[in-house]
Amino acid sequence: MTAGPLEGKTALVTGGSRGVGAGIVARLAADGANVAFTYANSGEQAEAVAAAAVAVGGTAQPIHADSLHEQDIEAAVAQTVDRFGGLDILVNNAGIGAFGPITDLKMDEIDAMLTINVRSAIVAIRESLVHMGDGGRIINIGSINADRTPFPGQSIYAATKGALASLTRGLARELAPRRITINNVQPGPVDTDANPADGPNASNLLGVMATDRFGTSAEVGAFVSYLAGPDAAYITGASLDIDGGFGA
């Protein structure tokens, strides 16, 4: 059997039990990585994601961790290193969205978005860099809404994703001497339980896209796996859209 492009590498994916995160876990595991991933709520769903990875010959380890809590993220990094002996790839996927006019959003909703979408990524990066060797990979999962917000009610969510893009650019300079790349993947509408392709808002989203369909979590997973692999060593500090022309 031919070794996958990530054979022998260890990855940690935050928020990997469903949606885009589950697609990323599946692809990294299929490409040969040992994958740890966090989940905040459904242990049963997380075990199903891990079992699916094992069924295709991969390795995946669920870790219960809530990205609202700094200590949970720190523990998830430590558990990954303890389980697999190191850390080569970090994917900051955990994220939430609360939408509506800024005057209608409660401050606890805003604080939760800032904490999970931005602060948790910073914590995960800081902790991971202690263990990550030269040539590692960090991939943030942002949103095309960082660049385009065609509908009202997206301002705070878009601000958190814009912060990820800025963080990525800044850290590319800091991490380059260690040959660690950091990139920001910006999905557009992706068919998930939280945003189904046949949902009530689908027609509005399709109306501002170049393509006539939503993306899939598998497509995002493939993109992330490429950035995590050896062929992407010259890409860093970039915000890369996978959005069906949403931002075109």
Protein backbone atom coordinates (compact mmCIF):
# COMPACT_ATOMS: atom_id res chain seq x y z
CA MET A 1 0.00 0.00 0.00
CA THR A 2 1.31 3.45 -0.95
CA ALA A 3 1.91 5.73 2.01
CA GLY A 4 -0.32 8.79 2.21
CA PRO A 5 1.16 12.30 1.97
CA LEU A 6 0.68 12.81 5.74
CA GLU A 7 2.00 9.41 6.82
CA GLY A 8 3.68 9.63 10.22
CA LYS A 9 2.34 13.10 10.98
CA THR A 10 0.15 13.98 13.96
CA ALA A 11 -2.70 16.48 13.66
CA LEU A 12 -5.03 18.14 16.13
CA VAL A 13 -8.35 19.47 14.81
CA THR A 14 -10.50 21.58 17.10
CA GLY A 15 -14.24 21.17 16.69
CA GLY A 16 -13.89 17.98 14.66
CA SER A 17 -17.02 16.01 15.51
CA ARG A 18 -19.39 17.38 12.88
CA GLY A 19 -19.75 19.44 9.74
CA VAL A 20 -16.60 20.87 8.20
CA GLY A 21 -14.52 19.63 11.11
CA ALA A 22 -15.59 16.03 10.58
CA GLY A 23 -14.69 16.32 6.90
CA ILE A 24 -11.23 17.57 7.82
CA VAL A 25 -10.68 14.75 10.32
CA ALA A 26 -11.74 12.16 7.74
CA ARG A 27 -9.40 13.45 5.04
CA LEU A 28 -6.36 13.93 7.27
CA ALA A 29 -6.79 10.40 8.62
CA ALA A 30 -7.28 8.98 5.11
CA ASP A 31 -4.07 10.69 4.02
CA GLY A 32 -2.11 8.94 6.75
CA ALA A 33 -2.07 11.33 9.71
CA ASN A 34 -2.73 10.37 13.30
CA VAL A 35 -5.60 12.70 14.11
CA ALA A 36 -6.81 13.93 17.48
CA PHE A 37 -9.90 16.10 17.46
CA THR A 38 -11.92 17.95 20.05
CA TYR A 39 -15.64 17.96 20.67
CA ALA A 40 -17.67 19.94 23.16
CA ASN A 41 -21.00 18.13 23.31
CA SER A 42 -21.88 14.88 21.55
CA GLY A 43 -19.52 12.10 22.57
CA GLU A 44 -21.53 9.63 20.51
CA GLN A 45 -21.09 11.71 17.37
CA ALA A 46 -17.37 12.09 18.06
CA GLU A 47 -16.97 8.32 18.45
CA ALA A 48 -18.74 7.83 15.11
CA VAL A 49 -16.29 10.19 13.38
CA ALA A 50 -13.36 8.31 14.93
CA ALA A 51 -14.83 4.94 13.94
CA ALA A 52 -15.31 6.09 10.34
CA ALA A 53 -11.65 7.10 10.17
CA VAL A 54 -10.55 3.73 11.53
CA ALA A 55 -12.80 1.92 9.05
CA VAL A 56 -10.78 3.33 6.14
CA GLY A 57 -7.45 2.51 7.76
CA GLY A 58 -6.87 5.81 9.56
CA THR A 59 -6.34 6.77 13.17
CA ALA A 60 -8.51 9.28 15.02
CA GLN A 61 -8.79 10.06 18.72
CA PRO A 62 -11.67 12.16 20.10
CA ILE A 63 -10.89 14.49 23.02
CA HIS A 64 -13.58 16.19 25.05
CA ALA A 65 -12.71 19.89 25.20
CA ASP A 66 -14.79 23.06 25.14
CA SER A 67 -13.07 25.87 23.24
CA LEU A 68 -14.71 28.39 25.56
CA HIS A 69 -12.22 27.30 28.21
CA GLU A 70 -8.49 27.92 27.86
CA GLN A 71 -7.57 25.00 30.11
CA ASP A 72 -9.52 22.59 27.90
CA ILE A 73 -7.53 23.63 24.84
CA GLU A 74 -4.26 23.34 26.70
CA ALA A 75 -5.26 19.87 27.89
CA ALA A 76 -6.25 18.81 24.36
CA VAL A 77 -2.80 19.71 23.04
CA ALA A 78 -1.15 17.84 25.90
CA GLN A 79 -3.32 14.76 25.36
CA THR A 80 -2.52 14.76 21.64
CA VAL A 81 1.21 14.87 22.32
CA ASP A 82 0.93 12.17 25.00
CA ARG A 83 -1.12 9.91 22.73
CA PHE A 84 0.91 10.24 19.53
CA GLY A 85 4.31 11.49 20.66
CA GLY A 86 4.29 14.90 19.03
CA LEU A 87 2.32 17.44 17.00
CA ASP A 88 2.90 18.43 13.38
CA ILE A 89 -0.40 19.92 12.21
CA LEU A 90 -2.89 22.16 14.00
CA VAL A 91 -6.28 22.94 12.45
CA ASN A 92 -8.26 25.62 14.28
CA ASN A 93 -11.77 24.76 13.14
CA ALA A 94 -13.89 25.32 16.26
CA GLY A 95 -16.24 28.22 15.70
CA ILE A 96 -19.74 29.51 16.36
CA GLY A 97 -21.99 32.14 14.85
CA ALA A 98 -24.69 34.36 16.27
CA PHE A 99 -26.40 36.57 13.71
CA GLY A 100 -28.53 39.67 13.91
CA PRO A 101 -28.22 43.44 14.25
CA ILE A 102 -25.45 44.45 16.63
CA THR A 103 -28.01 46.15 18.87
CA ASP A 104 -29.95 42.88 19.20
CA LEU A 105 -27.04 40.59 20.00
CA LYS A 106 -26.43 39.97 23.68
CA MET A 107 -22.95 40.63 24.98
CA ASP A 108 -22.58 37.02 26.12
CA GLU A 109 -23.22 35.94 22.51
CA ILE A 110 -20.60 38.39 21.28
CA ASP A 111 -18.12 37.32 23.95
CA ALA A 112 -18.63 33.65 23.07
CA MET A 113 -17.90 34.32 19.39
CA LEU A 114 -14.77 36.29 20.23
CA THR A 115 -13.59 33.59 22.63
CA ILE A 116 -14.23 30.54 20.46
CA ASN A 117 -13.55 32.01 17.02
CA VAL A 118 -10.45 34.04 17.91
CA ARG A 119 -9.07 33.56 21.41
CA SER A 120 -9.24 29.77 21.34
CA ALA A 121 -7.22 29.73 18.11
CA ILE A 122 -4.56 31.91 19.73
CA VAL A 123 -4.41 29.63 22.76
CA ALA A 124 -4.16 26.50 20.58
CA ILE A 125 -1.37 28.03 18.50
CA ARG A 126 0.62 29.12 21.56
CA GLU A 127 0.35 25.69 23.14
CA SER A 128 1.04 23.77 19.94
CA LEU A 129 4.18 25.72 19.09
CA VAL A 130 5.83 24.37 22.24
CA HIS A 131 5.65 20.88 20.73
CA MET A 132 5.67 21.51 16.98
CA GLY A 133 8.94 20.95 15.20
CA ASP A 134 10.35 22.84 12.25
CA GLY A 135 8.24 22.45 9.13
CA GLY A 136 4.93 22.20 10.96
CA ARG A 137 1.59 23.35 9.63
CA ILE A 138 -1.09 25.58 11.16
CA ILE A 139 -4.38 26.01 9.34
CA ASN A 140 -7.12 28.33 10.55
CA ILE A 141 -10.66 27.85 9.32
CA GLY A 142 -12.06 31.30 8.71
CA SER A 143 -14.95 32.35 6.48
CA ILE A 144 -15.51 34.16 3.22
CA ASN A 145 -17.58 36.54 5.36
CA ALA A 146 -14.29 38.08 6.46
CA ASP A 147 -14.14 39.60 2.97
CA ARG A 148 -17.78 39.78 1.95
CA THR A 149 -20.94 40.22 4.03
CA PRO A 150 -23.82 40.53 1.54
CA PHE A 151 -26.54 40.29 4.19
CA PRO A 152 -27.15 42.35 7.34
CA GLY A 153 -26.64 40.77 10.73
CA GLN A 154 -23.18 39.31 10.09
CA SER A 155 -20.99 42.09 11.45
CA ILE A 156 -19.61 40.50 14.62
CA TYR A 157 -19.19 37.05 13.08
CA ALA A 158 -17.36 38.63 10.13
CA ALA A 159 -15.16 40.60 12.52
CA THR A 160 -14.02 37.42 14.27
CA LYS A 161 -13.14 35.80 10.96
CA GLY A 162 -11.33 38.94 9.82
CA ALA A 163 -9.27 38.72 13.00
CA LEU A 164 -8.22 35.19 12.04
CA ALA A 165 -7.05 36.43 8.65
CA SER A 166 -4.96 39.17 10.27
CA LEU A 167 -3.55 36.75 12.84
CA THR A 168 -2.52 34.43 10.01
CA ARG A 169 -0.65 37.16 8.15
CA GLY A 170 1.18 38.33 11.25
CA LEU A 171 2.20 34.88 12.42
CA ALA A 172 3.51 33.93 8.98
CA ARG A 173 6.37 36.37 9.63
CA GLU A 174 7.04 35.04 13.12
CA LEU A 175 7.00 31.37 12.19
CA ALA A 176 8.89 31.48 8.89
CA PRO A 177 12.34 30.99 10.52
CA ARG A 178 11.07 27.62 11.77
CA ARG A 179 9.61 26.74 8.35
CA ILE A 180 6.18 26.50 9.98
CA THR A 181 3.50 27.65 7.58
CA ILE A 182 0.21 29.17 8.68
CA ASN A 183 -2.75 29.70 6.37
CA ASN A 184 -6.39 30.71 6.64
CA VAL A 185 -9.02 28.72 4.72
CA GLN A 186 -12.17 30.72 4.00
CA PRO A 187 -15.13 28.49 3.12
CA GLY A 188 -18.29 29.81 1.60
CA PRO A 189 -21.63 28.01 2.06
CA VAL A 190 -20.99 24.36 2.90
CA ASP A 191 -23.72 21.74 3.20
CA THR A 192 -23.79 20.83 6.91
CA ASP A 193 -26.42 20.18 9.55
CA ALA A 194 -26.05 23.77 10.68
CA ASN A 195 -26.39 25.19 7.15
CA PRO A 196 -28.09 22.60 4.92
CA ALA A 197 -28.11 23.00 1.16
CA ASP A 198 -31.89 22.64 1.23
CA GLY A 199 -32.38 24.94 4.22
CA PRO A 200 -34.52 28.07 4.42
CA ASN A 201 -31.62 30.41 3.62
CA ALA A 202 -30.14 28.37 0.78
CA SER A 203 -31.79 30.25 -2.08
CA ASN A 204 -30.48 33.59 -0.77
CA LEU A 205 -26.94 32.22 -0.53
CA LEU A 206 -27.04 30.63 -3.97
CA GLY A 207 -28.19 33.94 -5.36
CA VAL A 208 -24.84 35.58 -4.58
CA MET A 209 -22.65 32.67 -5.70
CA ALA A 210 -21.07 31.90 -9.07
CA THR A 211 -21.83 28.19 -8.78
CA ASP A 212 -25.27 26.66 -8.33
CA ARG A 213 -24.47 24.50 -5.32
CA PHE A 214 -23.08 24.45 -1.80
CA GLY A 215 -19.68 22.98 -1.10
CA THR A 216 -19.12 19.79 0.87
CA SER A 217 -17.14 19.13 4.01
CA ALA A 218 -15.10 16.59 2.03
CA GLU A 219 -14.01 19.32 -0.39
CA VAL A 220 -12.88 21.56 2.47
CA GLY A 221 -11.13 18.58 4.04
CA ALA A 222 -9.21 17.91 0.83
CA PHE A 223 -8.10 21.55 0.67
CA VAL A 224 -6.92 21.50 4.28
CA SER A 225 -5.04 18.25 3.76
CA TYR A 226 -3.20 19.75 0.80
CA LEU A 227 -2.13 22.74 2.91
CA ALA A 228 -0.99 20.33 5.64
CA GLY A 229 1.15 18.35 3.22
CA PRO A 230 4.61 18.68 1.69
CA ASP A 231 3.45 20.21 -1.60
CA ALA A 232 2.21 23.37 0.16
CA ALA A 233 5.49 24.35 1.83
CA TYR A 234 5.70 27.61 -0.15
CA ILE A 235 2.25 28.83 0.88
CA THR A 236 2.06 30.85 4.09
CA GLY A 237 0.24 33.88 5.43
CA ALA A 238 -2.52 33.40 2.87
CA SER A 239 -6.28 33.59 3.15
CA LEU A 240 -7.53 31.08 0.61
CA ASP A 241 -11.16 30.96 -0.51
CA ILE A 242 -13.11 27.78 -1.15
CA ASP A 243 -16.48 29.36 -1.70
CA GLY A 244 -18.08 28.50 -5.04
CA GLY A 245 -17.59 32.06 -6.18
CA PHE A 246 -19.36 33.64 -3.20
CA GLY A 247 -16.66 36.31 -3.07
CA ALA A 248 -16.23 36.70 -6.84
